[in-house]
């Protein structure tokens, strides 16, 4: 599945506002499941968004946790 929305300037307020609005009512970029789209957007960010972007902040923490869990499962089962 391709990213339907392109996010630019994720290090700037305008980009974070766009991401925050897109994530309203969603857990992940493409809906309710963790996908490559989340990894791509996460990789483009320089850190967790501030409190003025609550949806983006919640998403960032969720993606960070998902990536950490996947990394741990690779370490444990390899």
PDB file of N, CA and C in Angstrom:
ATOM      1  N   UNK A   1       0.846  -1.186   0.000  1.00  0.00           N
ATOM      2  CA  UNK A   1       0.000   0.000   0.000  1.00  0.00           C
ATOM      3  C   UNK A   1       0.885   1.241   0.000  1.00  0.00           C
ATOM      4  N   UNK A   2       0.615   2.177  -0.853  1.00  0.00           N
ATOM      5  CA  UNK A   2       1.411   3.402  -0.960  1.00  0.00           C
ATOM      6  C   UNK A   2       0.869   4.476  -0.026  1.00  0.00           C
ATOM      7  N   UNK A   3       1.749   5.370   0.365  1.00  0.00           N
ATOM      8  CA  UNK A   3       1.327   6.497   1.190  1.00  0.00           C
ATOM      9  C   UNK A   3       0.445   7.405   0.343  1.00  0.00           C
ATOM     10  N   UNK A   4      -0.783   7.620   0.784  1.00  0.00           N
ATOM     11  CA  UNK A   4      -1.724   8.450   0.035  1.00  0.00           C
ATOM     12  C   UNK A   4      -1.428   9.929   0.222  1.00  0.00           C
ATOM     13  N   UNK A   5      -0.812  10.262   1.339  1.00  0.00           N
ATOM     14  CA  UNK A   5      -0.494  11.646   1.658  1.00  0.00           C
ATOM     15  C   UNK A   5       1.016  11.763   1.791  1.00  0.00           C
ATOM     16  N   UNK A   6       1.568  12.809   1.230  1.00  0.00           N
ATOM     17  CA  UNK A   6       3.003  13.043   1.336  1.00  0.00           C
ATOM     18  C   UNK A   6       3.222  14.127   2.388  1.00  0.00           C
ATOM     19  N   UNK A   7       4.095  13.830   3.321  1.00  0.00           N
ATOM     20  CA  UNK A   7       4.399  14.791   4.381  1.00  0.00           C
ATOM     21  C   UNK A   7       5.760  15.411   4.092  1.00  0.00           C
ATOM     22  N   UNK A   8       5.796  16.726   4.097  1.00  0.00           N
ATOM     23  CA  UNK A   8       7.047  17.449   3.874  1.00  0.00           C
ATOM     24  C   UNK A   8       7.333  18.325   5.081  1.00  0.00           C
ATOM     25  N   UNK A   9       8.583  18.655   5.253  1.00  0.00           N
ATOM     26  CA  UNK A   9       9.011  19.537   6.342  1.00  0.00           C
ATOM     27  C   UNK A   9       8.548  19.043   7.709  1.00  0.00           C
ATOM     28  N   UNK A  10       8.795  17.766   7.997  1.00  0.00           N
ATOM     29  CA  UNK A  10       8.394  17.218   9.291  1.00  0.00           C
ATOM     30  C   UNK A  10       9.212  17.772  10.453  1.00  0.00           C
ATOM     31  N   UNK A  11      10.215  18.559  10.134  1.00  0.00           N
ATOM     32  CA  UNK A  11      10.993  19.235  11.173  1.00  0.00           C
ATOM     33  C   UNK A  11      10.447  20.642  11.446  1.00  0.00           C
ATOM     34  N   UNK A  12       9.447  21.049  10.662  1.00  0.00           N
ATOM     35  CA  UNK A  12       8.851  22.385  10.800  1.00  0.00           C
ATOM     36  C   UNK A  12       7.420  22.283  11.312  1.00  0.00           C
ATOM     37  N   UNK A  13       6.928  23.348  11.890  1.00  0.00           N
ATOM     38  CA  UNK A  13       5.571  23.377  12.445  1.00  0.00           C
ATOM     39  C   UNK A  13       4.519  23.039  11.395  1.00  0.00           C
ATOM     40  N   UNK A  14       4.677  23.543  10.182  1.00  0.00           N
ATOM     41  CA  UNK A  14       3.670  23.288   9.140  1.00  0.00           C
ATOM     42  C   UNK A  14       3.576  21.803   8.800  1.00  0.00           C
ATOM     43  N   UNK A  15       4.707  21.127   8.725  1.00  0.00           N
ATOM     44  CA  UNK A  15       4.706  19.699   8.431  1.00  0.00           C
ATOM     45  C   UNK A  15       4.117  18.890   9.571  1.00  0.00           C
ATOM     46  N   UNK A  16       4.444  19.271  10.800  1.00  0.00           N
ATOM     47  CA  UNK A  16       3.907  18.565  11.962  1.00  0.00           C
ATOM     48  C   UNK A  16       2.407  18.788  12.106  1.00  0.00           C
ATOM     49  N   UNK A  17       1.929  19.981  11.754  1.00  0.00           N
ATOM     50  CA  UNK A  17       0.482  20.239  11.779  1.00  0.00           C
ATOM     51  C   UNK A  17      -0.232  19.331  10.790  1.00  0.00           C
ATOM     52  N   UNK A  18       0.335  19.169   9.615  1.00  0.00           N
ATOM     53  CA  UNK A  18      -0.238  18.308   8.590  1.00  0.00           C
ATOM     54  C   UNK A  18      -0.276  16.856   9.061  1.00  0.00           C
ATOM     55  N   UNK A  19       0.818  16.383   9.626  1.00  0.00           N
ATOM     56  CA  UNK A  19       0.880  15.020  10.147  1.00  0.00           C
ATOM     57  C   UNK A  19      -0.121  14.833  11.282  1.00  0.00           C
ATOM     58  N   UNK A  20      -0.175  15.786  12.192  1.00  0.00           N
ATOM     59  CA  UNK A  20      -1.087  15.698  13.332  1.00  0.00           C
ATOM     60  C   UNK A  20      -2.542  15.634  12.864  1.00  0.00           C
ATOM     61  N   UNK A  21      -2.897  16.442  11.894  1.00  0.00           N
ATOM     62  CA  UNK A  21      -4.265  16.438  11.366  1.00  0.00           C
ATOM     63  C   UNK A  21      -4.568  15.110  10.669  1.00  0.00           C
ATOM     64  N   UNK A  22      -3.602  14.593   9.921  1.00  0.00           N
ATOM     65  CA  UNK A  22      -3.794  13.325   9.216  1.00  0.00           C
ATOM     66  C   UNK A  22      -4.029  12.180  10.201  1.00  0.00           C
ATOM     67  N   UNK A  23      -3.358  12.220  11.347  1.00  0.00           N
ATOM     68  CA  UNK A  23      -3.445  11.139  12.325  1.00  0.00           C
ATOM     69  C   UNK A  23      -4.664  11.233  13.235  1.00  0.00           C
ATOM     70  N   UNK A  24      -5.443  12.276  13.110  1.00  0.00           N
ATOM     71  CA  UNK A  24      -6.646  12.420  13.938  1.00  0.00           C
ATOM     72  C   UNK A  24      -7.583  11.241  13.681  1.00  0.00           C
ATOM     73  N   UNK A  25      -7.862  10.471  14.724  1.00  0.00           N
ATOM     74  CA  UNK A  25      -8.751   9.322  14.601  1.00  0.00           C
ATOM     75  C   UNK A  25      -8.094   8.068  14.054  1.00  0.00           C
ATOM     76  N   UNK A  26      -6.761   8.107  13.870  1.00  0.00           N
ATOM     77  CA  UNK A  26      -6.032   6.946  13.346  1.00  0.00           C
ATOM     78  C   UNK A  26      -4.917   6.574  14.308  1.00  0.00           C
ATOM     79  N   UNK A  27      -4.557   5.315  14.288  1.00  0.00           N
ATOM     80  CA  UNK A  27      -3.403   4.880  15.076  1.00  0.00           C
ATOM     81  C   UNK A  27      -2.119   4.989  14.272  1.00  0.00           C
ATOM     82  N   UNK A  28      -2.221   4.736  12.973  1.00  0.00           N
ATOM     83  CA  UNK A  28      -1.047   4.711  12.108  1.00  0.00           C
ATOM     84  C   UNK A  28      -1.309   5.516  10.839  1.00  0.00           C
ATOM     85  N   UNK A  29      -0.276   5.756  10.065  1.00  0.00           N
ATOM     86  CA  UNK A  29      -0.354   6.564   8.850  1.00  0.00           C
ATOM     87  C   UNK A  29      -1.417   6.058   7.882  1.00  0.00           C
ATOM     88  N   UNK A  30      -1.445   4.733   7.681  1.00  0.00           N
ATOM     89  CA  UNK A  30      -2.386   4.164   6.708  1.00  0.00           C
ATOM     90  C   UNK A  30      -3.641   3.577   7.344  1.00  0.00           C
ATOM     91  N   UNK A  31      -3.891   3.903   8.592  1.00  0.00           N
ATOM     92  CA  UNK A  31      -5.105   3.410   9.245  1.00  0.00           C
ATOM     93  C   UNK A  31      -4.833   2.808  10.603  1.00  0.00           C
ATOM     94  N   UNK A  32      -5.244   1.542  10.769  1.00  0.00           N
ATOM     95  CA  UNK A  32      -5.147   0.894  12.073  1.00  0.00           C
ATOM     96  C   UNK A  32      -4.029  -0.140  12.188  1.00  0.00           C
ATOM     97  N   UNK A  33      -3.200  -0.254  11.153  1.00  0.00           N
ATOM     98  CA  UNK A  33      -2.119  -1.230  11.187  1.00  0.00           C
ATOM     99  C   UNK A  33      -0.774  -0.572  10.918  1.00  0.00           C
ATOM    100  N   UNK A  34       0.230  -1.063  11.612  1.00  0.00           N
ATOM    101  CA  UNK A  34       1.606  -0.619  11.446  1.00  0.00           C
ATOM    102  C   UNK A  34       2.117  -1.109  10.087  1.00  0.00           C
ATOM    103  N   UNK A  35       2.620  -0.187   9.253  1.00  0.00           N
ATOM    104  CA  UNK A  35       3.094  -0.540   7.915  1.00  0.00           C
ATOM    105  C   UNK A  35       4.423   0.154   7.621  1.00  0.00           C
ATOM    106  N   UNK A  36       4.939  -0.115   6.438  1.00  0.00           N
ATOM    107  CA  UNK A  36       6.165   0.548   5.979  1.00  0.00           C
ATOM    108  C   UNK A  36       5.980   2.058   5.914  1.00  0.00           C
ATOM    109  N   UNK A  37       4.745   2.507   5.691  1.00  0.00           N
ATOM    110  CA  UNK A  37       4.481   3.950   5.638  1.00  0.00           C
ATOM    111  C   UNK A  37       4.870   4.614   6.954  1.00  0.00           C
ATOM    112  N   UNK A  38       4.564   3.948   8.064  1.00  0.00           N
ATOM    113  CA  UNK A  38       4.919   4.493   9.377  1.00  0.00           C
ATOM    114  C   UNK A  38       6.430   4.575   9.541  1.00  0.00           C
ATOM    115  N   UNK A  39       7.123   3.547   9.092  1.00  0.00           N
ATOM    116  CA  UNK A  39       8.581   3.529   9.210  1.00  0.00           C
ATOM    117  C   UNK A  39       9.196   4.650   8.378  1.00  0.00           C
ATOM    118  N   UNK A  40       8.672   4.869   7.175  1.00  0.00           N
ATOM    119  CA  UNK A  40       9.195   5.922   6.300  1.00  0.00           C
ATOM    120  C   UNK A  40       9.003   7.310   6.916  1.00  0.00           C
ATOM    121  N   UNK A  41       7.825   7.564   7.442  1.00  0.00           N
ATOM    122  CA  UNK A  41       7.555   8.886   8.037  1.00  0.00           C
ATOM    123  C   UNK A  41       8.360   9.043   9.325  1.00  0.00           C
ATOM    124  N   UNK A  42       8.393   8.007  10.144  1.00  0.00           N
ATOM    125  CA  UNK A  42       9.156   8.037  11.397  1.00  0.00           C
ATOM    126  C   UNK A  42      10.625   8.355  11.115  1.00  0.00           C
ATOM    127  N   UNK A  43      11.184   7.717  10.094  1.00  0.00           N
ATOM    128  CA  UNK A  43      12.589   7.929   9.741  1.00  0.00           C
ATOM    129  C   UNK A  43      12.866   9.358   9.281  1.00  0.00           C
ATOM    130  N   UNK A  44      11.858  10.032   8.773  1.00  0.00           N
ATOM    131  CA  UNK A  44      12.029  11.403   8.283  1.00  0.00           C
ATOM    132  C   UNK A  44      11.965  12.440   9.411  1.00  0.00           C
ATOM    133  N   UNK A  45      11.602  11.994  10.604  1.00  0.00           N
ATOM    134  CA  UNK A  45      11.450  12.928  11.721  1.00  0.00           C
ATOM    135  C   UNK A  45      12.749  13.036  12.508  1.00  0.00           C
ATOM    136  N   UNK A  46      12.921  14.154  13.206  1.00  0.00           N
ATOM    137  CA  UNK A  46      14.133  14.346  13.995  1.00  0.00           C
ATOM    138  C   UNK A  46      13.910  14.054  15.475  1.00  0.00           C
ATOM    139  N   UNK A  47      12.699  13.734  15.847  1.00  0.00           N
ATOM    140  CA  UNK A  47      12.382  13.433  17.238  1.00  0.00           C
ATOM    141  C   UNK A  47      10.891  13.486  17.459  1.00  0.00           C
ATOM    142  N   UNK A  48      10.493  13.221  18.703  1.00  0.00           N
ATOM    143  CA  UNK A  48       9.079  13.222  19.050  1.00  0.00           C
ATOM    144  C   UNK A  48       8.522  14.640  18.946  1.00  0.00           C
ATOM    145  N   UNK A  49       7.361  14.776  18.292  1.00  0.00           N
ATOM    146  CA  UNK A  49       6.717  16.087  18.205  1.00  0.00           C
ATOM    147  C   UNK A  49       6.325  16.601  19.593  1.00  0.00           C
ATOM    148  N   UNK A  50       6.270  17.901  19.734  1.00  0.00           N
ATOM    149  CA  UNK A  50       5.906  18.523  21.002  1.00  0.00           C
ATOM    150  C   UNK A  50       4.443  18.310  21.355  1.00  0.00           C
ATOM    151  N   UNK A  51       4.097  18.732  22.557  1.00  0.00           N
ATOM    152  CA  UNK A  51       2.743  18.552  23.087  1.00  0.00           C
ATOM    153  C   UNK A  51       1.667  19.253  22.265  1.00  0.00           C
ATOM    154  N   UNK A  52       2.047  20.222  21.461  1.00  0.00           N
ATOM    155  CA  UNK A  52       1.060  20.923  20.631  1.00  0.00           C
ATOM    156  C   UNK A  52       0.599  20.071  19.439  1.00  0.00           C
ATOM    157  N   UNK A  53       1.212  18.899  19.276  1.00  0.00           N
ATOM    158  CA  UNK A  53       0.841  17.949  18.216  1.00  0.00           C
ATOM    159  C   UNK A  53       0.523  16.595  18.857  1.00  0.00           C
ATOM    160  N   UNK A  54      -0.600  16.510  19.584  1.00  0.00           N
ATOM    161  CA  UNK A  54      -0.889  15.306  20.379  1.00  0.00           C
ATOM    162  C   UNK A  54      -1.051  14.027  19.555  1.00  0.00           C
ATOM    163  N   UNK A  55      -1.675  14.120  18.403  1.00  0.00           N
ATOM    164  CA  UNK A  55      -1.860  12.917  17.576  1.00  0.00           C
ATOM    165  C   UNK A  55      -0.527  12.416  17.048  1.00  0.00           C
ATOM    166  N   UNK A  56       0.304  13.332  16.597  1.00  0.00           N
ATOM    167  CA  UNK A  56       1.620  12.969  16.079  1.00  0.00           C
ATOM    168  C   UNK A  56       2.512  12.424  17.197  1.00  0.00           C
ATOM    169  N   UNK A  57       2.404  13.003  18.382  1.00  0.00           N
ATOM    170  CA  UNK A  57       3.194  12.528  19.520  1.00  0.00           C
ATOM    171  C   UNK A  57       2.804  11.116  19.937  1.00  0.00           C
ATOM    172  N   UNK A  58       1.504  10.861  19.982  1.00  0.00           N
ATOM    173  CA  UNK A  58       1.012   9.528  20.342  1.00  0.00           C
ATOM    174  C   UNK A  58       1.446   8.501  19.289  1.00  0.00           C
ATOM    175  N   UNK A  59       1.312   8.880  18.012  1.00  0.00           N
ATOM    176  CA  UNK A  59       1.740   8.012  16.909  1.00  0.00           C
ATOM    177  C   UNK A  59       3.241   7.729  17.004  1.00  0.00           C
ATOM    178  N   UNK A  60       4.045   8.753  17.259  1.00  0.00           N
ATOM    179  CA  UNK A  60       5.497   8.599  17.343  1.00  0.00           C
ATOM    180  C   UNK A  60       5.864   7.564  18.411  1.00  0.00           C
ATOM    181  N   UNK A  61       5.240   7.672  19.578  1.00  0.00           N
ATOM    182  CA  UNK A  61       5.516   6.728  20.655  1.00  0.00           C
ATOM    183  C   UNK A  61       5.068   5.313  20.289  1.00  0.00           C
ATOM    184  N   UNK A  62       3.936   5.201  19.613  1.00  0.00           N
ATOM    185  CA  UNK A  62       3.423   3.902  19.186  1.00  0.00           C
ATOM    186  C   UNK A  62       4.365   3.248  18.176  1.00  0.00           C
ATOM    187  N   UNK A  63       4.843   4.024  17.216  1.00  0.00           N
ATOM    188  CA  UNK A  63       5.782   3.499  16.221  1.00  0.00           C
ATOM    189  C   UNK A  63       7.100   3.127  16.887  1.00  0.00           C
ATOM    190  N   UNK A  64       7.578   3.968  17.771  1.00  0.00           N
ATOM    191  CA  UNK A  64       8.822   3.694  18.480  1.00  0.00           C
ATOM    192  C   UNK A  64       8.710   2.373  19.256  1.00  0.00           C
ATOM    193  N   UNK A  65       7.591   2.156  19.919  1.00  0.00           N
ATOM    194  CA  UNK A  65       7.360   0.912  20.656  1.00  0.00           C
ATOM    195  C   UNK A  65       7.278  -0.284  19.717  1.00  0.00           C
ATOM    196  N   UNK A  66       6.600  -0.106  18.601  1.00  0.00           N
ATOM    197  CA  UNK A  66       6.468  -1.195  17.628  1.00  0.00           C
ATOM    198  C   UNK A  66       7.828  -1.593  17.062  1.00  0.00           C
ATOM    199  N   UNK A  67       8.644  -0.601  16.755  1.00  0.00           N
ATOM    200  CA  UNK A  67       9.977  -0.888  16.229  1.00  0.00           C
ATOM    201  C   UNK A  67      10.857  -1.562  17.282  1.00  0.00           C
ATOM    202  N   UNK A  68      10.757  -1.118  18.519  1.00  0.00           N
ATOM    203  CA  UNK A  68      11.547  -1.719  19.595  1.00  0.00           C
ATOM    204  C   UNK A  68      11.127  -3.168  19.820  1.00  0.00           C
ATOM    205  N   UNK A  69       9.821  -3.430  19.791  1.00  0.00           N
ATOM    206  CA  UNK A  69       9.327  -4.792  19.983  1.00  0.00           C
ATOM    207  C   UNK A  69       9.788  -5.702  18.856  1.00  0.00           C
ATOM    208  N   UNK A  70       9.769  -5.194  17.648  1.00  0.00           N
ATOM    209  CA  UNK A  70      10.226  -5.996  16.500  1.00  0.00           C
ATOM    210  C   UNK A  70      11.721  -6.269  16.598  1.00  0.00           C
ATOM    211  N   UNK A  71      12.483  -5.295  17.044  1.00  0.00           N
ATOM    212  CA  UNK A  71      13.924  -5.475  17.206  1.00  0.00           C
ATOM    213  C   UNK A  71      14.219  -6.518  18.268  1.00  0.00           C
ATOM    214  N   UNK A  72      13.477  -6.477  19.367  1.00  0.00           N
ATOM    215  CA  UNK A  72      13.681  -7.442  20.441  1.00  0.00           C
ATOM    216  C   UNK A  72      13.320  -8.853  19.989  1.00  0.00           C
ATOM    217  N   UNK A  73      12.261  -8.998  19.205  1.00  0.00           N
ATOM    218  CA  UNK A  73      11.871 -10.335  18.759  1.00  0.00           C
ATOM    219  C   UNK A  73      12.919 -10.914  17.810  1.00  0.00           C
ATOM    220  N   UNK A  74      13.563 -10.066  17.028  1.00  0.00           N
ATOM    221  CA  UNK A  74      14.630 -10.524  16.136  1.00  0.00           C
ATOM    222  C   UNK A  74      15.822 -10.977  16.972  1.00  0.00           C
ATOM    223  N   UNK A  75      16.170 -10.214  18.004  1.00  0.00           N
ATOM    224  CA  UNK A  75      17.301 -10.576  18.858  1.00  0.00           C
ATOM    225  C   UNK A  75      17.032 -11.865  19.627  1.00  0.00           C
ATOM    226  N   UNK A  76      15.824 -12.035  20.104  1.00  0.00           N
ATOM    227  CA  UNK A  76      15.470 -13.200  20.914  1.00  0.00           C
ATOM    228  C   UNK A  76      15.381 -14.461  20.075  1.00  0.00           C
ATOM    229  N   UNK A  77      14.838 -14.354  18.870  1.00  0.00           N
ATOM    230  CA  UNK A  77      14.583 -15.545  18.085  1.00  0.00           C
ATOM    231  C   UNK A  77      15.638 -15.856  17.030  1.00  0.00           C
ATOM    232  N   UNK A  78      16.624 -15.011  16.884  1.00  0.00           N
ATOM    233  CA  UNK A  78      17.698 -15.295  15.924  1.00  0.00           C
ATOM    234  C   UNK A  78      18.791 -16.112  16.547  1.00  0.00           C
TER     235      UNK A  78
END
